[in-house]
């Protein structure tokens, strides 16, 4: 079975998610791919992936709702915005939907911003936050240790909760059981954050 998981969804729980899938089926052959929700959905539509666990993607109304996760504006605890300068944003590279949503909301709120860091994964963005390179729109469970919510302090626009969806065409009962286990583990991880 080939499964895609969005980088914004996988998070630090990925090792425990894989372990839970292994408990469900101790002899699985799982091809796991991490990427952006948009890229993974494109691969899924091309039948290159059997299932994907992704954030809501505009223009799609399919998929099973697994959970919803609130996003916030976060920075390192000692980070300070320099008065009069654009807000430095640490983001994932395009076509990241969270990046697009966050920059659109800052534009609509009239908040001048600039990209201070563009990372190839959430862990890279978390590293940029820790290094004090700027502010990022992330879910709380994705944060590096010590990161703080700076949205209210900086009067940034409120970020929505975003759904996590499972898209699957898996028919075999064993593989469906693995996906049920993965979905339950994700619900638990998001609920605990």
Protein backbone atom coordinates (compact mmCIF):
# COMPACT_ATOMS: atom_id res chain seq x y z
CA UNK A 1 0.00 0.00 0.00
CA UNK A 2 1.28 3.46 -0.90
CA UNK A 3 0.23 6.21 1.52
CA UNK A 4 0.90 9.93 1.28
CA UNK A 5 0.84 12.14 4.38
CA UNK A 6 1.00 15.92 4.22
CA UNK A 7 4.05 17.41 5.89
CA UNK A 8 1.71 19.66 7.92
CA UNK A 9 -0.18 16.56 9.08
CA UNK A 10 2.64 14.06 9.75
CA UNK A 11 4.32 16.05 12.50
CA UNK A 12 6.34 14.71 15.39
CA UNK A 13 3.91 11.81 15.84
CA UNK A 14 5.08 10.13 12.61
CA UNK A 15 7.20 7.45 14.36
CA UNK A 16 4.28 6.50 16.64
CA UNK A 17 1.88 6.48 13.66
CA UNK A 18 4.17 4.07 11.83
CA UNK A 19 4.49 1.93 14.97
CA UNK A 20 0.69 1.73 15.32
CA UNK A 21 0.37 0.66 11.68
CA UNK A 22 3.00 -2.02 12.35
CA UNK A 23 1.09 -3.33 15.37
CA UNK A 24 -2.03 -3.56 13.19
CA UNK A 25 -0.16 -5.55 10.54
CA UNK A 26 3.36 -6.64 11.60
CA UNK A 27 4.30 -7.61 8.04
CA UNK A 28 3.12 -4.67 5.98
CA UNK A 29 4.81 -3.28 2.94
CA UNK A 30 4.00 0.37 3.29
CA UNK A 31 5.39 2.95 0.91
CA UNK A 32 5.02 6.21 2.86
CA UNK A 33 5.48 9.55 1.11
CA UNK A 34 5.56 12.97 2.76
CA UNK A 35 4.73 16.06 0.71
CA UNK A 36 2.40 18.99 0.29
CA UNK A 37 -1.34 18.30 0.36
CA UNK A 38 -1.74 19.59 -3.20
CA UNK A 39 1.07 17.45 -4.61
CA UNK A 40 -0.15 14.36 -2.76
CA UNK A 41 -3.72 14.84 -3.99
CA UNK A 42 -2.44 15.16 -7.55
CA UNK A 43 -0.54 11.88 -7.14
CA UNK A 44 -3.62 10.28 -5.59
CA UNK A 45 -5.78 11.41 -8.52
CA UNK A 46 -3.22 9.89 -10.90
CA UNK A 47 -3.55 6.63 -8.94
CA UNK A 48 0.08 6.78 -7.83
CA UNK A 49 -1.04 6.63 -4.17
CA UNK A 50 -3.63 4.34 -2.59
CA UNK A 51 -4.50 6.76 0.21
CA UNK A 52 -3.56 10.25 1.39
CA UNK A 53 -3.92 12.01 4.72
CA UNK A 54 -3.93 15.72 3.92
CA UNK A 55 -5.16 19.14 4.93
CA UNK A 56 -8.32 20.41 3.26
CA UNK A 57 -7.56 21.52 -0.26
CA UNK A 58 -9.62 24.26 -1.91
CA UNK A 59 -11.82 22.95 -4.68
CA UNK A 60 -12.15 19.46 -3.17
CA UNK A 61 -15.22 18.22 -1.38
CA UNK A 62 -14.26 14.54 -1.10
CA UNK A 63 -12.45 12.70 1.64
CA UNK A 64 -13.30 11.53 5.15
CA UNK A 65 -12.93 14.11 7.91
CA UNK A 66 -10.40 12.79 10.43
CA UNK A 67 -9.99 15.87 12.61
CA UNK A 68 -9.73 19.64 12.64
CA UNK A 69 -6.67 21.47 13.86
CA UNK A 70 -6.32 25.10 14.90
CA UNK A 71 -3.41 27.10 13.55
CA UNK A 72 -1.66 30.00 15.22
CA UNK A 73 1.15 32.50 14.65
CA UNK A 74 4.28 31.34 16.45
CA UNK A 75 7.83 32.58 17.07
CA UNK A 76 10.80 31.88 19.34
CA UNK A 77 10.28 33.16 22.90
CA UNK A 78 13.03 35.81 22.57
CA UNK A 79 12.02 36.95 19.06
CA UNK A 80 11.10 40.62 18.70
CA UNK A 81 9.47 42.31 15.73
CA UNK A 82 11.41 45.38 14.63
CA UNK A 83 9.08 48.35 14.54
CA UNK A 84 8.47 49.72 11.07
CA UNK A 85 9.76 46.62 9.28
CA UNK A 86 7.62 44.08 7.43
CA UNK A 87 6.69 40.99 9.41
CA UNK A 88 9.28 38.28 8.63
CA UNK A 89 7.50 35.01 7.81
CA UNK A 90 9.08 31.57 7.90
CA UNK A 91 7.06 29.43 5.48
CA UNK A 92 7.01 26.20 3.57
CA UNK A 93 7.69 26.47 -0.13
CA UNK A 94 4.82 26.77 -2.59
CA UNK A 95 2.39 25.10 -3.24
CA UNK A 96 1.81 24.88 0.54
CA UNK A 97 -1.85 25.72 1.22
CA UNK A 98 -1.12 26.93 4.77
CA UNK A 99 1.46 29.34 3.36
CA UNK A 100 -1.00 30.63 0.77
CA UNK A 101 -3.77 31.04 3.36
CA UNK A 102 -1.49 32.80 5.87
CA UNK A 103 -0.09 35.26 3.35
CA UNK A 104 -3.56 36.02 1.95
CA UNK A 105 -4.88 36.74 5.45
CA UNK A 106 -1.95 39.04 6.26
CA UNK A 107 -2.49 40.86 2.95
CA UNK A 108 -6.23 41.25 3.67
CA UNK A 109 -5.44 42.59 7.15
CA UNK A 110 -3.00 45.12 5.67
CA UNK A 111 -0.01 43.63 7.50
CA UNK A 112 3.21 44.21 5.54
CA UNK A 113 5.27 41.02 5.42
CA UNK A 114 8.28 39.46 3.78
CA UNK A 115 9.49 35.89 3.62
CA UNK A 116 12.53 35.55 5.83
CA UNK A 117 12.84 31.78 5.39
CA UNK A 118 11.39 29.22 2.96
CA UNK A 119 11.77 25.62 4.08
CA UNK A 120 11.36 22.30 2.34
CA UNK A 121 9.47 20.81 5.29
CA UNK A 122 7.80 21.67 8.58
CA UNK A 123 10.91 20.59 10.51
CA UNK A 124 12.97 23.14 8.54
CA UNK A 125 10.43 25.86 9.34
CA UNK A 126 10.49 24.83 13.02
CA UNK A 127 14.27 25.17 12.92
CA UNK A 128 13.94 28.68 11.49
CA UNK A 129 11.54 29.59 14.32
CA UNK A 130 13.99 28.28 16.91
CA UNK A 131 16.75 30.34 15.26
CA UNK A 132 14.59 33.47 15.58
CA UNK A 133 14.20 34.07 11.85
CA UNK A 134 10.56 35.08 12.02
CA UNK A 135 6.95 34.10 12.59
CA UNK A 136 5.16 31.09 11.14
CA UNK A 137 1.60 29.82 10.83
CA UNK A 138 1.62 26.34 12.35
CA UNK A 139 -0.43 23.93 14.41
CA UNK A 140 0.59 23.77 18.06
CA UNK A 141 1.71 20.13 17.82
CA UNK A 142 4.25 21.08 15.12
CA UNK A 143 6.06 23.62 17.28
CA UNK A 144 9.65 23.45 18.40
CA UNK A 145 10.10 23.49 22.17
CA UNK A 146 9.54 26.92 23.66
CA UNK A 147 7.81 28.54 20.68
CA UNK A 148 5.10 30.99 21.68
CA UNK A 149 1.92 32.30 20.08
CA UNK A 150 2.52 35.91 19.02
CA UNK A 151 -0.68 36.45 17.01
CA UNK A 152 -2.53 38.61 19.54
CA UNK A 153 0.57 40.58 20.56
CA UNK A 154 1.30 41.47 16.92
CA UNK A 155 -2.41 41.93 16.08
CA UNK A 156 -2.20 39.34 13.31
CA UNK A 157 -5.34 37.97 11.67
CA UNK A 158 -6.94 34.98 13.34
CA UNK A 159 -6.10 31.72 11.59
CA UNK A 160 -8.85 29.14 11.05
CA UNK A 161 -9.03 25.53 12.05
CA UNK A 162 -8.23 23.35 9.07
CA UNK A 163 -9.63 19.88 8.45
CA UNK A 164 -7.45 16.83 8.08
CA UNK A 165 -8.96 14.47 5.50
CA UNK A 166 -8.35 10.89 4.45
CA UNK A 167 -8.77 10.10 0.76
CA UNK A 168 -8.65 6.37 0.06
CA UNK A 169 -9.45 3.85 -2.62
CA UNK A 170 -8.19 0.91 -0.54
CA UNK A 171 -10.46 -2.14 -0.74
CA UNK A 172 -8.54 -4.94 1.00
CA UNK A 173 -9.69 -5.44 4.59
CA UNK A 174 -6.17 -5.62 6.07
CA UNK A 175 -5.13 -2.40 4.38
CA UNK A 176 -8.40 -0.72 5.45
CA UNK A 177 -7.64 -1.78 9.03
CA UNK A 178 -4.22 -0.13 8.77
CA UNK A 179 -5.84 3.09 7.54
CA UNK A 180 -8.41 2.97 10.37
CA UNK A 181 -5.54 2.63 12.85
CA UNK A 182 -3.69 5.51 11.21
CA UNK A 183 -6.83 7.69 11.29
CA UNK A 184 -7.50 6.89 14.96
CA UNK A 185 -3.91 7.69 15.86
CA UNK A 186 -4.13 11.02 14.03
CA UNK A 187 -7.40 11.91 15.80
CA UNK A 188 -5.70 11.14 19.10
CA UNK A 189 -2.59 13.18 18.27
CA UNK A 190 -4.57 16.25 17.17
CA UNK A 191 -6.93 15.96 20.14
CA UNK A 192 -3.99 15.86 22.57
CA UNK A 193 -2.38 19.04 21.22
